[in-house]
Amino acid sequence: MSKIKYFPEDMDVQNKTVILRLDLNVPLNEKKILDNSRILTSLPFLKNLIKKKRR
C-alpha cells in the first residue's frame, strides 16, 4: 500500500481540534487480523497529530 497524503506537513494544527475519520476495516479470520496495512499506514499520521498536540 502506498503512502497516504493526509494534509501538508507544514499545516498548522498544533493546539487545534482535528476531526478525523479513518476506514480501518480489516479482513478477519477467527478474530485474527489478516491484513493490518490500513492500520500501519495510518500510524505515522496519528503519531504526528499527537506530537503536534492536537485536540
PDB file of N, CA and C in Angstrom:
ATOM      1  N   MET A   1       0.849  -1.176   0.000  1.00  0.00           N
ATOM      2  CA  MET A   1       0.000   0.000   0.000  1.00  0.00           C
ATOM      3  C   MET A   1       0.892   1.235   0.000  1.00  0.00           C
ATOM      4  N   SER A   2       0.537   2.205  -0.783  1.00  0.00           N
ATOM      5  CA  SER A   2       1.366   3.404  -0.894  1.00  0.00           C
ATOM      6  C   SER A   2       1.141   4.343   0.292  1.00  0.00           C
ATOM      7  N   LYS A   3       2.054   5.289   0.407  1.00  0.00           N
ATOM      8  CA  LYS A   3       1.953   6.280   1.476  1.00  0.00           C
ATOM      9  C   LYS A   3       0.746   7.182   1.212  1.00  0.00           C
ATOM     10  N   ILE A   4      -0.025   7.431   2.233  1.00  0.00           N
ATOM     11  CA  ILE A   4      -1.214   8.260   2.112  1.00  0.00           C
ATOM     12  C   ILE A   4      -0.860   9.694   2.480  1.00  0.00           C
ATOM     13  N   LYS A   5      -1.303  10.647   1.678  1.00  0.00           N
ATOM     14  CA  LYS A   5      -1.107  12.061   1.997  1.00  0.00           C
ATOM     15  C   LYS A   5      -2.391  12.562   2.645  1.00  0.00           C
ATOM     16  N   TYR A   6      -2.308  12.934   3.893  1.00  0.00           N
ATOM     17  CA  TYR A   6      -3.481  13.392   4.617  1.00  0.00           C
ATOM     18  C   TYR A   6      -3.666  14.896   4.469  1.00  0.00           C
ATOM     19  N   PHE A   7      -2.655  15.660   4.780  1.00  0.00           N
ATOM     20  CA  PHE A   7      -2.632  17.095   4.527  1.00  0.00           C
ATOM     21  C   PHE A   7      -1.184  17.550   4.584  1.00  0.00           C
ATOM     22  N   PRO A   8      -0.886  18.742   4.119  1.00  0.00           N
ATOM     23  CA  PRO A   8       0.511  19.183   4.052  1.00  0.00           C
ATOM     24  C   PRO A   8       1.201  19.155   5.419  1.00  0.00           C
ATOM     25  N   GLU A   9       2.464  18.790   5.408  1.00  0.00           N
ATOM     26  CA  GLU A   9       3.245  18.718   6.646  1.00  0.00           C
ATOM     27  C   GLU A   9       3.352  20.071   7.340  1.00  0.00           C
ATOM     28  N   ASP A  10       3.348  21.144   6.578  1.00  0.00           N
ATOM     29  CA  ASP A  10       3.510  22.467   7.177  1.00  0.00           C
ATOM     30  C   ASP A  10       2.195  23.090   7.652  1.00  0.00           C
ATOM     31  N   MET A  11       1.110  22.358   7.548  1.00  0.00           N
ATOM     32  CA  MET A  11      -0.184  22.869   8.009  1.00  0.00           C
ATOM     33  C   MET A  11      -0.162  23.000   9.535  1.00  0.00           C
ATOM     34  N   ASP A  12      -0.598  24.123  10.036  1.00  0.00           N
ATOM     35  CA  ASP A  12      -0.563  24.399  11.463  1.00  0.00           C
ATOM     36  C   ASP A  12      -1.779  23.786  12.152  1.00  0.00           C
ATOM     37  N   VAL A  13      -1.567  22.663  12.830  1.00  0.00           N
ATOM     38  CA  VAL A  13      -2.651  22.006  13.566  1.00  0.00           C
ATOM     39  C   VAL A  13      -2.366  21.956  15.061  1.00  0.00           C
ATOM     40  N   GLN A  14      -1.256  22.535  15.467  1.00  0.00           N
ATOM     41  CA  GLN A  14      -0.887  22.478  16.879  1.00  0.00           C
ATOM     42  C   GLN A  14      -1.932  23.192  17.729  1.00  0.00           C
ATOM     43  N   ASN A  15      -2.346  22.512  18.796  1.00  0.00           N
ATOM     44  CA  ASN A  15      -3.334  23.018  19.747  1.00  0.00           C
ATOM     45  C   ASN A  15      -4.672  23.353  19.092  1.00  0.00           C
ATOM     46  N   LYS A  16      -5.005  22.644  18.032  1.00  0.00           N
ATOM     47  CA  LYS A  16      -6.297  22.824  17.374  1.00  0.00           C
ATOM     48  C   LYS A  16      -7.068  21.511  17.426  1.00  0.00           C
ATOM     49  N   THR A  17      -8.361  21.614  17.260  1.00  0.00           N
ATOM     50  CA  THR A  17      -9.191  20.426  17.229  1.00  0.00           C
ATOM     51  C   THR A  17      -9.189  19.848  15.820  1.00  0.00           C
ATOM     52  N   VAL A  18      -8.961  18.551  15.734  1.00  0.00           N
ATOM     53  CA  VAL A  18      -8.947  17.867  14.448  1.00  0.00           C
ATOM     54  C   VAL A  18     -10.006  16.773  14.492  1.00  0.00           C
ATOM     55  N   ILE A  19     -10.900  16.795  13.525  1.00  0.00           N
ATOM     56  CA  ILE A  19     -11.888  15.723  13.400  1.00  0.00           C
ATOM     57  C   ILE A  19     -11.357  14.765  12.349  1.00  0.00           C
ATOM     58  N   LEU A  20     -11.237  13.526  12.739  1.00  0.00           N
ATOM     59  CA  LEU A  20     -10.584  12.539  11.891  1.00  0.00           C
ATOM     60  C   LEU A  20     -11.508  11.351  11.671  1.00  0.00           C
ATOM     61  N   ARG A  21     -11.579  10.923  10.425  1.00  0.00           N
ATOM     62  CA  ARG A  21     -12.359   9.740  10.095  1.00  0.00           C
ATOM     63  C   ARG A  21     -11.470   8.811   9.291  1.00  0.00           C
ATOM     64  N   LEU A  22     -11.287   7.611   9.782  1.00  0.00           N
ATOM     65  CA  LEU A  22     -10.453   6.619   9.107  1.00  0.00           C
ATOM     66  C   LEU A  22     -11.254   5.357   8.853  1.00  0.00           C
ATOM     67  N   ASP A  23     -11.017   4.750   7.719  1.00  0.00           N
ATOM     68  CA  ASP A  23     -11.621   3.456   7.415  1.00  0.00           C
ATOM     69  C   ASP A  23     -10.606   2.386   7.794  1.00  0.00           C
ATOM     70  N   LEU A  24     -10.795   1.807   8.946  1.00  0.00           N
ATOM     71  CA  LEU A  24      -9.856   0.798   9.435  1.00  0.00           C
ATOM     72  C   LEU A  24     -10.448  -0.607   9.406  1.00  0.00           C
ATOM     73  N   ASN A  25     -11.423  -0.815   8.546  1.00  0.00           N
ATOM     74  CA  ASN A  25     -11.962  -2.163   8.390  1.00  0.00           C
ATOM     75  C   ASN A  25     -10.869  -3.065   7.841  1.00  0.00           C
ATOM     76  N   VAL A  26     -10.637  -4.163   8.512  1.00  0.00           N
ATOM     77  CA  VAL A  26      -9.588  -5.093   8.100  1.00  0.00           C
ATOM     78  C   VAL A  26     -10.180  -6.490   7.971  1.00  0.00           C
ATOM     79  N   PRO A  27      -9.614  -7.304   7.105  1.00  0.00           N
ATOM     80  CA  PRO A  27     -10.111  -8.673   6.970  1.00  0.00           C
ATOM     81  C   PRO A  27      -9.751  -9.508   8.203  1.00  0.00           C
ATOM     82  N   LEU A  28     -10.719 -10.238   8.679  1.00  0.00           N
ATOM     83  CA  LEU A  28     -10.528 -11.083   9.866  1.00  0.00           C
ATOM     84  C   LEU A  28     -10.766 -12.541   9.522  1.00  0.00           C
ATOM     85  N   ASN A  29     -10.096 -13.397  10.277  1.00  0.00           N
ATOM     86  CA  ASN A  29     -10.349 -14.826  10.204  1.00  0.00           C
ATOM     87  C   ASN A  29     -10.232 -15.359  11.620  1.00  0.00           C
ATOM     88  N   GLU A  30     -11.342 -15.810  12.149  1.00  0.00           N
ATOM     89  CA  GLU A  30     -11.391 -16.305  13.527  1.00  0.00           C
ATOM     90  C   GLU A  30     -10.829 -15.282  14.504  1.00  0.00           C
ATOM     91  N   LYS A  31     -11.274 -14.034  14.367  1.00  0.00           N
ATOM     92  CA  LYS A  31     -10.911 -12.918  15.233  1.00  0.00           C
ATOM     93  C   LYS A  31      -9.435 -12.529  15.156  1.00  0.00           C
ATOM     94  N   LYS A  32      -8.757 -12.913  14.105  1.00  0.00           N
ATOM     95  CA  LYS A  32      -7.372 -12.525  13.891  1.00  0.00           C
ATOM     96  C   LYS A  32      -7.292 -11.661  12.637  1.00  0.00           C
ATOM     97  N   ILE A  33      -6.524 -10.590  12.733  1.00  0.00           N
ATOM     98  CA  ILE A  33      -6.363  -9.673  11.612  1.00  0.00           C
ATOM     99  C   ILE A  33      -5.474 -10.325  10.553  1.00  0.00           C
ATOM    100  N   LEU A  34      -5.969 -10.365   9.319  1.00  0.00           N
ATOM    101  CA  LEU A  34      -5.211 -10.965   8.228  1.00  0.00           C
ATOM    102  C   LEU A  34      -4.323  -9.948   7.508  1.00  0.00           C
ATOM    103  N   ASP A  35      -4.792  -8.727   7.413  1.00  0.00           N
ATOM    104  CA  ASP A  35      -4.022  -7.678   6.726  1.00  0.00           C
ATOM    105  C   ASP A  35      -4.127  -6.389   7.531  1.00  0.00           C
ATOM    106  N   ASN A  36      -3.037  -5.983   8.148  1.00  0.00           N
ATOM    107  CA  ASN A  36      -3.053  -4.797   9.005  1.00  0.00           C
ATOM    108  C   ASN A  36      -2.494  -3.559   8.300  1.00  0.00           C
ATOM    109  N   SER A  37      -2.393  -3.579   6.991  1.00  0.00           N
ATOM    110  CA  SER A  37      -1.763  -2.481   6.260  1.00  0.00           C
ATOM    111  C   SER A  37      -2.510  -1.151   6.429  1.00  0.00           C
ATOM    112  N   ARG A  38      -3.820  -1.157   6.525  1.00  0.00           N
ATOM    113  CA  ARG A  38      -4.559   0.096   6.727  1.00  0.00           C
ATOM    114  C   ARG A  38      -4.206   0.729   8.072  1.00  0.00           C
ATOM    115  N   ILE A  39      -4.086  -0.087   9.068  1.00  0.00           N
ATOM    116  CA  ILE A  39      -3.743   0.403  10.403  1.00  0.00           C
ATOM    117  C   ILE A  39      -2.307   0.932  10.417  1.00  0.00           C
ATOM    118  N   LEU A  40      -1.382   0.168   9.875  1.00  0.00           N
ATOM    119  CA  LEU A  40       0.024   0.558   9.872  1.00  0.00           C
ATOM    120  C   LEU A  40       0.273   1.806   9.026  1.00  0.00           C
ATOM    121  N   THR A  41      -0.478   1.971   7.948  1.00  0.00           N
ATOM    122  CA  THR A  41      -0.327   3.151   7.093  1.00  0.00           C
ATOM    123  C   THR A  41      -0.801   4.406   7.813  1.00  0.00           C
ATOM    124  N   SER A  42      -1.771   4.289   8.686  1.00  0.00           N
ATOM    125  CA  SER A  42      -2.330   5.439   9.403  1.00  0.00           C
ATOM    126  C   SER A  42      -1.498   5.846  10.617  1.00  0.00           C
ATOM    127  N   LEU A  43      -0.713   4.955  11.143  1.00  0.00           N
ATOM    128  CA  LEU A  43       0.035   5.230  12.377  1.00  0.00           C
ATOM    129  C   LEU A  43       0.960   6.447  12.302  1.00  0.00           C
ATOM    130  N   PRO A  44       1.761   6.627  11.257  1.00  0.00           N
ATOM    131  CA  PRO A  44       2.626   7.817  11.225  1.00  0.00           C
ATOM    132  C   PRO A  44       1.831   9.120  11.284  1.00  0.00           C
ATOM    133  N   PHE A  45       0.719   9.156  10.601  1.00  0.00           N
ATOM    134  CA  PHE A  45      -0.129  10.348  10.623  1.00  0.00           C
ATOM    135  C   PHE A  45      -0.674  10.600  12.022  1.00  0.00           C
ATOM    136  N   LEU A  46      -1.161   9.566  12.672  1.00  0.00           N
ATOM    137  CA  LEU A  46      -1.703   9.707  14.025  1.00  0.00           C
ATOM    138  C   LEU A  46      -0.625  10.137  15.014  1.00  0.00           C
ATOM    139  N   LYS A  47       0.550   9.568  14.892  1.00  0.00           N
ATOM    140  CA  LYS A  47       1.657   9.953  15.774  1.00  0.00           C
ATOM    141  C   LYS A  47       2.048  11.409  15.559  1.00  0.00           C
ATOM    142  N   ASN A  48       1.988  11.838  14.318  1.00  0.00           N
ATOM    143  CA  ASN A  48       2.300  13.238  14.001  1.00  0.00           C
ATOM    144  C   ASN A  48       1.288  14.186  14.645  1.00  0.00           C
ATOM    145  N   LEU A  49       0.023  13.824  14.598  1.00  0.00           N
ATOM    146  CA  LEU A  49      -1.002  14.650  15.254  1.00  0.00           C
ATOM    147  C   LEU A  49      -0.776  14.726  16.756  1.00  0.00           C
ATOM    148  N   ILE A  50      -0.428  13.615  17.343  1.00  0.00           N
ATOM    149  CA  ILE A  50      -0.171  13.587  18.786  1.00  0.00           C
ATOM    150  C   ILE A  50       1.042  14.459  19.117  1.00  0.00           C
ATOM    151  N   LYS A  51       2.074  14.353  18.295  1.00  0.00           N
ATOM    152  CA  LYS A  51       3.281  15.159  18.524  1.00  0.00           C
ATOM    153  C   LYS A  51       2.982  16.651  18.423  1.00  0.00           C
ATOM    154  N   LYS A  52       2.053  17.025  17.552  1.00  0.00           N
ATOM    155  CA  LYS A  52       1.701  18.431  17.388  1.00  0.00           C
ATOM    156  C   LYS A  52       0.675  18.909  18.411  1.00  0.00           C
ATOM    157  N   LYS A  53       0.393  18.060  19.373  1.00  0.00           N
ATOM    158  CA  LYS A  53      -0.525  18.377  20.472  1.00  0.00           C
ATOM    159  C   LYS A  53      -1.893  18.829  19.987  1.00  0.00           C
ATOM    160  N   ARG A  54      -2.422  18.085  19.099  1.00  0.00           N
ATOM    161  CA  ARG A  54      -3.764  18.370  18.595  1.00  0.00           C
ATOM    162  C   ARG A  54      -4.784  17.965  19.649  1.00  0.00           C
ATOM    163  N   ARG A  55      -5.995  18.460  19.530  1.00  0.00           N
ATOM    164  CA  ARG A  55      -7.093  18.075  20.416  1.00  0.00           C
ATOM    165  C   ARG A  55      -8.109  17.290  19.624  1.00  0.00           C
TER     166      ARG A  55
END
